[in-house]
Amino acid sequence: MLHNRLSAHRWRKSSYSGDQNPSCLEWQHTPDGSIAIRDSKTPSRGGFLFRREAWSAFVIALQSESAEASKLRSEQEARR
């Protein structure tokens, strides 16, 4: 969990969230280069801290999974 020391830094929210959707994750780069993630609905509860390398690997895996899912959907639609 994160310490409240990070609350003074600028947290960012996905542009997909918009102002009307409070259910999202917020993130920030920490002074040591790590990535901090927290729930925007309960920022006082802290969050999780990831080394930059671990976060990059996670994002790459998500992008790969998303691309594969999109490919499978296209193949299924083509069979219809």
PDB file of N, CA and C in Angstrom:
ATOM      1  N   MET A   1       0.832  -1.179   0.000  1.00  0.00           N
ATOM      2  CA  MET A   1       0.000   0.000   0.000  1.00  0.00           C
ATOM      3  C   MET A   1       0.882   1.250   0.000  1.00  0.00           C
ATOM      4  N   LEU A   2       0.315   2.317  -0.484  1.00  0.00           N
ATOM      5  CA  LEU A   2       1.045   3.569  -0.530  1.00  0.00           C
ATOM      6  C   LEU A   2       0.885   4.350   0.756  1.00  0.00           C
ATOM      7  N   HIS A   3       1.850   5.151   1.005  1.00  0.00           N
ATOM      8  CA  HIS A   3       1.756   6.074   2.127  1.00  0.00           C
ATOM      9  C   HIS A   3       1.088   7.352   1.631  1.00  0.00           C
ATOM     10  N   ASN A   4       0.509   8.107   2.523  1.00  0.00           N
ATOM     11  CA  ASN A   4      -0.151   9.345   2.145  1.00  0.00           C
ATOM     12  C   ASN A   4       0.821  10.397   1.618  1.00  0.00           C
ATOM     13  N   ARG A   5       2.102  10.149   1.706  1.00  0.00           N
ATOM     14  CA  ARG A   5       3.089  11.115   1.219  1.00  0.00           C
ATOM     15  C   ARG A   5       2.908  11.402  -0.265  1.00  0.00           C
ATOM     16  N   LEU A   6       2.285  10.482  -0.998  1.00  0.00           N
ATOM     17  CA  LEU A   6       2.095  10.674  -2.429  1.00  0.00           C
ATOM     18  C   LEU A   6       0.893  11.548  -2.755  1.00  0.00           C
ATOM     19  N   SER A   7       0.043  11.791  -1.796  1.00  0.00           N
ATOM     20  CA  SER A   7      -1.187  12.534  -2.080  1.00  0.00           C
ATOM     21  C   SER A   7      -0.909  13.960  -2.539  1.00  0.00           C
ATOM     22  N   ALA A   8       0.238  14.520  -2.210  1.00  0.00           N
ATOM     23  CA  ALA A   8       0.556  15.886  -2.622  1.00  0.00           C
ATOM     24  C   ALA A   8       0.964  15.965  -4.090  1.00  0.00           C
ATOM     25  N   HIS A   9       1.349  14.857  -4.660  1.00  0.00           N
ATOM     26  CA  HIS A   9       1.756  14.847  -6.064  1.00  0.00           C
ATOM     27  C   HIS A   9       0.536  14.809  -6.969  1.00  0.00           C
ATOM     28  N   ARG A  10       0.738  15.124  -8.209  1.00  0.00           N
ATOM     29  CA  ARG A  10      -0.371  15.189  -9.157  1.00  0.00           C
ATOM     30  C   ARG A  10      -0.810  13.804  -9.608  1.00  0.00           C
ATOM     31  N   TRP A  11      -2.048  13.481  -9.336  1.00  0.00           N
ATOM     32  CA  TRP A  11      -2.643  12.229  -9.793  1.00  0.00           C
ATOM     33  C   TRP A  11      -3.336  12.496 -11.115  1.00  0.00           C
ATOM     34  N   ARG A  12      -3.276  11.541 -12.032  1.00  0.00           N
ATOM     35  CA  ARG A  12      -3.901  11.670 -13.342  1.00  0.00           C
ATOM     36  C   ARG A  12      -4.982  10.609 -13.488  1.00  0.00           C
ATOM     37  N   LYS A  13      -6.017  10.962 -14.240  1.00  0.00           N
ATOM     38  CA  LYS A  13      -7.131  10.059 -14.490  1.00  0.00           C
ATOM     39  C   LYS A  13      -7.236   9.850 -15.996  1.00  0.00           C
ATOM     40  N   SER A  14      -7.634   8.685 -16.405  1.00  0.00           N
ATOM     41  CA  SER A  14      -7.804   8.388 -17.818  1.00  0.00           C
ATOM     42  C   SER A  14      -8.775   9.358 -18.465  1.00  0.00           C
ATOM     43  N   SER A  15      -8.461   9.784 -19.675  1.00  0.00           N
ATOM     44  CA  SER A  15      -9.373  10.666 -20.407  1.00  0.00           C
ATOM     45  C   SER A  15     -10.658   9.938 -20.773  1.00  0.00           C
ATOM     46  N   TYR A  16     -10.646   8.611 -20.755  1.00  0.00           N
ATOM     47  CA  TYR A  16     -11.851   7.825 -21.030  1.00  0.00           C
ATOM     48  C   TYR A  16     -12.847   7.899 -19.877  1.00  0.00           C
ATOM     49  N   SER A  17     -12.378   8.259 -18.699  1.00  0.00           N
ATOM     50  CA  SER A  17     -13.241   8.303 -17.524  1.00  0.00           C
ATOM     51  C   SER A  17     -14.217   9.467 -17.568  1.00  0.00           C
ATOM     52  N   GLY A  18     -13.738  10.609 -17.981  1.00  0.00           N
ATOM     53  CA  GLY A  18     -14.584  11.800 -17.989  1.00  0.00           C
ATOM     54  C   GLY A  18     -14.902  12.270 -16.581  1.00  0.00           C
ATOM     55  N   ASP A  19     -15.551  13.398 -16.485  1.00  0.00           N
ATOM     56  CA  ASP A  19     -15.887  13.964 -15.178  1.00  0.00           C
ATOM     57  C   ASP A  19     -17.090  13.286 -14.541  1.00  0.00           C
ATOM     58  N   GLN A  20     -17.911  12.628 -15.336  1.00  0.00           N
ATOM     59  CA  GLN A  20     -19.140  12.028 -14.828  1.00  0.00           C
ATOM     60  C   GLN A  20     -18.943  10.606 -14.300  1.00  0.00           C
ATOM     61  N   ASN A  21     -17.778  10.020 -14.516  1.00  0.00           N
ATOM     62  CA  ASN A  21     -17.530   8.634 -14.115  1.00  0.00           C
ATOM     63  C   ASN A  21     -16.497   8.588 -12.990  1.00  0.00           C
ATOM     64  N   PRO A  22     -16.931   8.442 -11.747  1.00  0.00           N
ATOM     65  CA  PRO A  22     -15.986   8.414 -10.638  1.00  0.00           C
ATOM     66  C   PRO A  22     -15.278   7.065 -10.468  1.00  0.00           C
ATOM     67  N   SER A  23     -15.701   6.060 -11.206  1.00  0.00           N
ATOM     68  CA  SER A  23     -15.151   4.708 -11.049  1.00  0.00           C
ATOM     69  C   SER A  23     -13.989   4.481 -11.998  1.00  0.00           C
ATOM     70  N   CYS A  24     -12.816   4.853 -11.566  1.00  0.00           N
ATOM     71  CA  CYS A  24     -11.659   4.622 -12.414  1.00  0.00           C
ATOM     72  C   CYS A  24     -10.392   4.596 -11.559  1.00  0.00           C
ATOM     73  N   LEU A  25      -9.308   4.328 -12.213  1.00  0.00           N
ATOM     74  CA  LEU A  25      -8.015   4.358 -11.546  1.00  0.00           C
ATOM     75  C   LEU A  25      -7.329   5.677 -11.826  1.00  0.00           C
ATOM     76  N   GLU A  26      -6.577   6.131 -10.860  1.00  0.00           N
ATOM     77  CA  GLU A  26      -5.725   7.292 -11.035  1.00  0.00           C
ATOM     78  C   GLU A  26      -4.282   6.806 -10.925  1.00  0.00           C
ATOM     79  N   TRP A  27      -3.379   7.514 -11.574  1.00  0.00           N
ATOM     80  CA  TRP A  27      -1.980   7.106 -11.542  1.00  0.00           C
ATOM     81  C   TRP A  27      -1.095   8.334 -11.435  1.00  0.00           C
ATOM     82  N   GLN A  28       0.162   8.080 -11.056  1.00  0.00           N
ATOM     83  CA  GLN A  28       1.165   9.134 -11.030  1.00  0.00           C
ATOM     84  C   GLN A  28       2.551   8.519 -11.113  1.00  0.00           C
ATOM     85  N   HIS A  29       3.471   9.306 -11.624  1.00  0.00           N
ATOM     86  CA  HIS A  29       4.887   8.943 -11.568  1.00  0.00           C
ATOM     87  C   HIS A  29       5.404   9.427 -10.217  1.00  0.00           C
ATOM     88  N   THR A  30       6.114   8.585  -9.524  1.00  0.00           N
ATOM     89  CA  THR A  30       6.667   8.969  -8.230  1.00  0.00           C
ATOM     90  C   THR A  30       8.068   9.546  -8.432  1.00  0.00           C
ATOM     91  N   PRO A  31       8.590  10.246  -7.444  1.00  0.00           N
ATOM     92  CA  PRO A  31       9.928  10.829  -7.584  1.00  0.00           C
ATOM     93  C   PRO A  31      11.025   9.809  -7.887  1.00  0.00           C
ATOM     94  N   ASP A  32      10.847   8.556  -7.456  1.00  0.00           N
ATOM     95  CA  ASP A  32      11.877   7.541  -7.724  1.00  0.00           C
ATOM     96  C   ASP A  32      11.669   6.816  -9.050  1.00  0.00           C
ATOM     97  N   GLY A  33      10.659   7.239  -9.849  1.00  0.00           N
ATOM     98  CA  GLY A  33      10.429   6.643 -11.161  1.00  0.00           C
ATOM     99  C   GLY A  33       9.431   5.506 -11.178  1.00  0.00           C
ATOM    100  N   SER A  34       8.875   5.166 -10.031  1.00  0.00           N
ATOM    101  CA  SER A  34       7.859   4.116  -9.975  1.00  0.00           C
ATOM    102  C   SER A  34       6.516   4.680 -10.436  1.00  0.00           C
ATOM    103  N   ILE A  35       5.534   3.788 -10.576  1.00  0.00           N
ATOM    104  CA  ILE A  35       4.178   4.181 -10.942  1.00  0.00           C
ATOM    105  C   ILE A  35       3.262   3.846  -9.773  1.00  0.00           C
ATOM    106  N   ALA A  36       2.489   4.829  -9.332  1.00  0.00           N
ATOM    107  CA  ALA A  36       1.524   4.622  -8.256  1.00  0.00           C
ATOM    108  C   ALA A  36       0.128   4.589  -8.855  1.00  0.00           C
ATOM    109  N   ILE A  37      -0.707   3.644  -8.390  1.00  0.00           N
ATOM    110  CA  ILE A  37      -2.075   3.465  -8.873  1.00  0.00           C
ATOM    111  C   ILE A  37      -3.005   3.485  -7.663  1.00  0.00           C
ATOM    112  N   ARG A  38      -4.142   4.182  -7.789  1.00  0.00           N
ATOM    113  CA  ARG A  38      -5.125   4.169  -6.706  1.00  0.00           C
ATOM    114  C   ARG A  38      -6.544   4.229  -7.293  1.00  0.00           C
ATOM    115  N   ASP A  39      -7.511   3.874  -6.476  1.00  0.00           N
ATOM    116  CA  ASP A  39      -8.917   3.925  -6.847  1.00  0.00           C
ATOM    117  C   ASP A  39      -9.404   5.357  -6.653  1.00  0.00           C
ATOM    118  N   SER A  40      -9.972   5.954  -7.686  1.00  0.00           N
ATOM    119  CA  SER A  40     -10.398   7.352  -7.586  1.00  0.00           C
ATOM    120  C   SER A  40     -11.552   7.556  -6.608  1.00  0.00           C
ATOM    121  N   LYS A  41     -12.321   6.504  -6.338  1.00  0.00           N
ATOM    122  CA  LYS A  41     -13.444   6.627  -5.407  1.00  0.00           C
ATOM    123  C   LYS A  41     -12.977   6.702  -3.954  1.00  0.00           C
ATOM    124  N   THR A  42     -11.836   6.093  -3.656  1.00  0.00           N
ATOM    125  CA  THR A  42     -11.341   6.059  -2.277  1.00  0.00           C
ATOM    126  C   THR A  42      -9.845   6.366  -2.237  1.00  0.00           C
ATOM    127  N   PRO A  43      -9.452   7.562  -2.632  1.00  0.00           N
ATOM    128  CA  PRO A  43      -8.026   7.881  -2.689  1.00  0.00           C
ATOM    129  C   PRO A  43      -7.330   7.851  -1.326  1.00  0.00           C
ATOM    130  N   SER A  44      -8.064   8.058  -0.259  1.00  0.00           N
ATOM    131  CA  SER A  44      -7.444   8.063   1.064  1.00  0.00           C
ATOM    132  C   SER A  44      -6.992   6.673   1.515  1.00  0.00           C
ATOM    133  N   ARG A  45      -7.480   5.641   0.839  1.00  0.00           N
ATOM    134  CA  ARG A  45      -7.097   4.275   1.216  1.00  0.00           C
ATOM    135  C   ARG A  45      -5.741   3.881   0.675  1.00  0.00           C
ATOM    136  N   GLY A  46      -5.105   4.748  -0.077  1.00  0.00           N
ATOM    137  CA  GLY A  46      -3.808   4.414  -0.640  1.00  0.00           C
ATOM    138  C   GLY A  46      -3.968   3.658  -1.942  1.00  0.00           C
ATOM    139  N   GLY A  47      -2.950   2.963  -2.329  1.00  0.00           N
ATOM    140  CA  GLY A  47      -2.974   2.250  -3.588  1.00  0.00           C
ATOM    141  C   GLY A  47      -1.804   1.297  -3.691  1.00  0.00           C
ATOM    142  N   PHE A  48      -1.350   1.100  -4.910  1.00  0.00           N
ATOM    143  CA  PHE A  48      -0.264   0.165  -5.171  1.00  0.00           C
ATOM    144  C   PHE A  48       0.870   0.873  -5.875  1.00  0.00           C
ATOM    145  N   LEU A  49       2.066   0.419  -5.611  1.00  0.00           N
ATOM    146  CA  LEU A  49       3.269   0.996  -6.195  1.00  0.00           C
ATOM    147  C   LEU A  49       3.960  -0.066  -7.037  1.00  0.00           C
ATOM    148  N   PHE A  50       4.288   0.271  -8.285  1.00  0.00           N
ATOM    149  CA  PHE A  50       4.933  -0.660  -9.212  1.00  0.00           C
ATOM    150  C   PHE A  50       6.241  -0.062  -9.707  1.00  0.00           C
ATOM    151  N   ARG A  51       7.267  -0.899  -9.827  1.00  0.00           N
ATOM    152  CA  ARG A  51       8.482  -0.459 -10.503  1.00  0.00           C
ATOM    153  C   ARG A  51       8.122  -0.182 -11.956  1.00  0.00           C
ATOM    154  N   ARG A  52       8.795   0.762 -12.569  1.00  0.00           N
ATOM    155  CA  ARG A  52       8.513   1.150 -13.952  1.00  0.00           C
ATOM    156  C   ARG A  52       8.548  -0.063 -14.890  1.00  0.00           C
ATOM    157  N   GLU A  53       9.504  -0.946 -14.716  1.00  0.00           N
ATOM    158  CA  GLU A  53       9.636  -2.116 -15.592  1.00  0.00           C
ATOM    159  C   GLU A  53       8.430  -3.048 -15.461  1.00  0.00           C
ATOM    160  N   ALA A  54       7.974  -3.241 -14.231  1.00  0.00           N
ATOM    161  CA  ALA A  54       6.821  -4.120 -14.001  1.00  0.00           C
ATOM    162  C   ALA A  54       5.556  -3.514 -14.606  1.00  0.00           C
ATOM    163  N   TRP A  55       5.380  -2.204 -14.446  1.00  0.00           N
ATOM    164  CA  TRP A  55       4.198  -1.551 -15.004  1.00  0.00           C
ATOM    165  C   TRP A  55       4.231  -1.607 -16.538  1.00  0.00           C
ATOM    166  N   SER A  56       5.397  -1.377 -17.136  1.00  0.00           N
ATOM    167  CA  SER A  56       5.522  -1.440 -18.591  1.00  0.00           C
ATOM    168  C   SER A  56       5.178  -2.829 -19.116  1.00  0.00           C
ATOM    169  N   ALA A  57       5.650  -3.861 -18.430  1.00  0.00           N
ATOM    170  CA  ALA A  57       5.340  -5.235 -18.845  1.00  0.00           C
ATOM    171  C   ALA A  57       3.838  -5.500 -18.744  1.00  0.00           C
ATOM    172  N   PHE A  58       3.194  -4.985 -17.700  1.00  0.00           N
ATOM    173  CA  PHE A  58       1.750  -5.143 -17.525  1.00  0.00           C
ATOM    174  C   PHE A  58       0.979  -4.466 -18.661  1.00  0.00           C
ATOM    175  N   VAL A  59       1.349  -3.245 -18.994  1.00  0.00           N
ATOM    176  CA  VAL A  59       0.676  -2.508 -20.065  1.00  0.00           C
ATOM    177  C   VAL A  59       0.868  -3.201 -21.407  1.00  0.00           C
ATOM    178  N   ILE A  60       2.059  -3.676 -21.680  1.00  0.00           N
ATOM    179  CA  ILE A  60       2.324  -4.388 -22.937  1.00  0.00           C
ATOM    180  C   ILE A  60       1.478  -5.654 -23.014  1.00  0.00           C
ATOM    181  N   ALA A  61       1.353  -6.371 -21.907  1.00  0.00           N
ATOM    182  CA  ALA A  61       0.525  -7.585 -21.888  1.00  0.00           C
ATOM    183  C   ALA A  61      -0.942  -7.243 -22.145  1.00  0.00           C
ATOM    184  N   LEU A  62      -1.432  -6.162 -21.559  1.00  0.00           N
ATOM    185  CA  LEU A  62      -2.812  -5.743 -21.804  1.00  0.00           C
ATOM    186  C   LEU A  62      -3.032  -5.378 -23.264  1.00  0.00           C
ATOM    187  N   GLN A  63      -2.107  -4.656 -23.835  1.00  0.00           N
ATOM    188  CA  GLN A  63      -2.231  -4.261 -25.240  1.00  0.00           C
ATOM    189  C   GLN A  63      -2.216  -5.487 -26.145  1.00  0.00           C
ATOM    190  N   SER A  64      -1.364  -6.437 -25.847  1.00  0.00           N
ATOM    191  CA  SER A  64      -1.280  -7.665 -26.631  1.00  0.00           C
ATOM    192  C   SER A  64      -2.574  -8.455 -26.526  1.00  0.00           C
ATOM    193  N   GLU A  65      -3.087  -8.563 -25.302  1.00  0.00           N
ATOM    194  CA  GLU A  65      -4.341  -9.285 -25.058  1.00  0.00           C
ATOM    195  C   GLU A  65      -5.499  -8.602 -25.774  1.00  0.00           C
ATOM    196  N   SER A  66      -5.510  -7.278 -25.751  1.00  0.00           N
ATOM    197  CA  SER A  66      -6.566  -6.516 -26.415  1.00  0.00           C
ATOM    198  C   SER A  66      -6.510  -6.730 -27.922  1.00  0.00           C
ATOM    199  N   ALA A  67      -5.326  -6.730 -28.479  1.00  0.00           N
ATOM    200  CA  ALA A  67      -5.172  -6.947 -29.918  1.00  0.00           C
ATOM    201  C   ALA A  67      -5.620  -8.352 -30.299  1.00  0.00           C
ATOM    202  N   GLU A  68      -5.280  -9.331 -29.487  1.00  0.00           N
ATOM    203  CA  GLU A  68      -5.689 -10.713 -29.755  1.00  0.00           C
ATOM    204  C   GLU A  68      -7.203 -10.854 -29.662  1.00  0.00           C
ATOM    205  N   ALA A  69      -7.809 -10.244 -28.674  1.00  0.00           N
ATOM    206  CA  ALA A  69      -9.269 -10.298 -28.519  1.00  0.00           C
ATOM    207  C   ALA A  69      -9.958  -9.643 -29.711  1.00  0.00           C
ATOM    208  N   SER A  70      -9.430  -8.540 -30.170  1.00  0.00           N
ATOM    209  CA  SER A  70      -9.995  -7.850 -31.326  1.00  0.00           C
ATOM    210  C   SER A  70      -9.898  -8.717 -32.576  1.00  0.00           C
ATOM    211  N   LYS A  71      -8.786  -9.388 -32.736  1.00  0.00           N
ATOM    212  CA  LYS A  71      -8.593 -10.284 -33.878  1.00  0.00           C
ATOM    213  C   LYS A  71      -9.603 -11.433 -33.830  1.00  0.00           C
ATOM    214  N   LEU A  72      -9.796 -12.022 -32.650  1.00  0.00           N
ATOM    215  CA  LEU A  72     -10.748 -13.118 -32.502  1.00  0.00           C
ATOM    216  C   LEU A  72     -12.179 -12.660 -32.801  1.00  0.00           C
ATOM    217  N   ARG A  73     -12.546 -11.465 -32.346  1.00  0.00           N
ATOM    218  CA  ARG A  73     -13.877 -10.931 -32.647  1.00  0.00           C
ATOM    219  C   ARG A  73     -14.077 -10.759 -34.141  1.00  0.00           C
ATOM    220  N   SER A  74     -13.073 -10.250 -34.813  1.00  0.00           N
ATOM    221  CA  SER A  74     -13.166 -10.047 -36.261  1.00  0.00           C
ATOM    222  C   SER A  74     -13.335 -11.383 -36.982  1.00  0.00           C
ATOM    223  N   GLU A  75     -12.601 -12.397 -36.537  1.00  0.00           N
ATOM    224  CA  GLU A  75     -12.708 -13.719 -37.159  1.00  0.00           C
ATOM    225  C   GLU A  75     -14.088 -14.306 -36.935  1.00  0.00           C
ATOM    226  N   GLN A  76     -14.628 -14.128 -35.728  1.00  0.00           N
ATOM    227  CA  GLN A  76     -15.965 -14.653 -35.433  1.00  0.00           C
ATOM    228  C   GLN A  76     -17.019 -13.932 -36.255  1.00  0.00           C
ATOM    229  N   GLU A  77     -16.904 -12.641 -36.417  1.00  0.00           N
ATOM    230  CA  GLU A  77     -17.867 -11.886 -37.221  1.00  0.00           C
ATOM    231  C   GLU A  77     -17.783 -12.273 -38.688  1.00  0.00           C
ATOM    232  N   ALA A  78     -16.586 -12.577 -39.163  1.00  0.00           N
ATOM    233  CA  ALA A  78     -16.411 -12.961 -40.569  1.00  0.00           C
ATOM    234  C   ALA A  78     -17.069 -14.311 -40.865  1.00  0.00           C
ATOM    235  N   ARG A  79     -17.154 -15.174 -39.843  1.00  0.00           N
ATOM    236  CA  ARG A  79     -17.787 -16.487 -40.027  1.00  0.00           C
ATOM    237  C   ARG A  79     -19.298 -16.408 -40.060  1.00  0.00           C
ATOM    238  N   ARG A  80     -19.875 -15.350 -39.596  1.00  0.00           N
ATOM    239  CA  ARG A  80     -21.342 -15.204 -39.533  1.00  0.00           C
ATOM    240  C   ARG A  80     -21.923 -14.912 -40.869  1.00  0.00           C
TER     241      ARG A  80
END
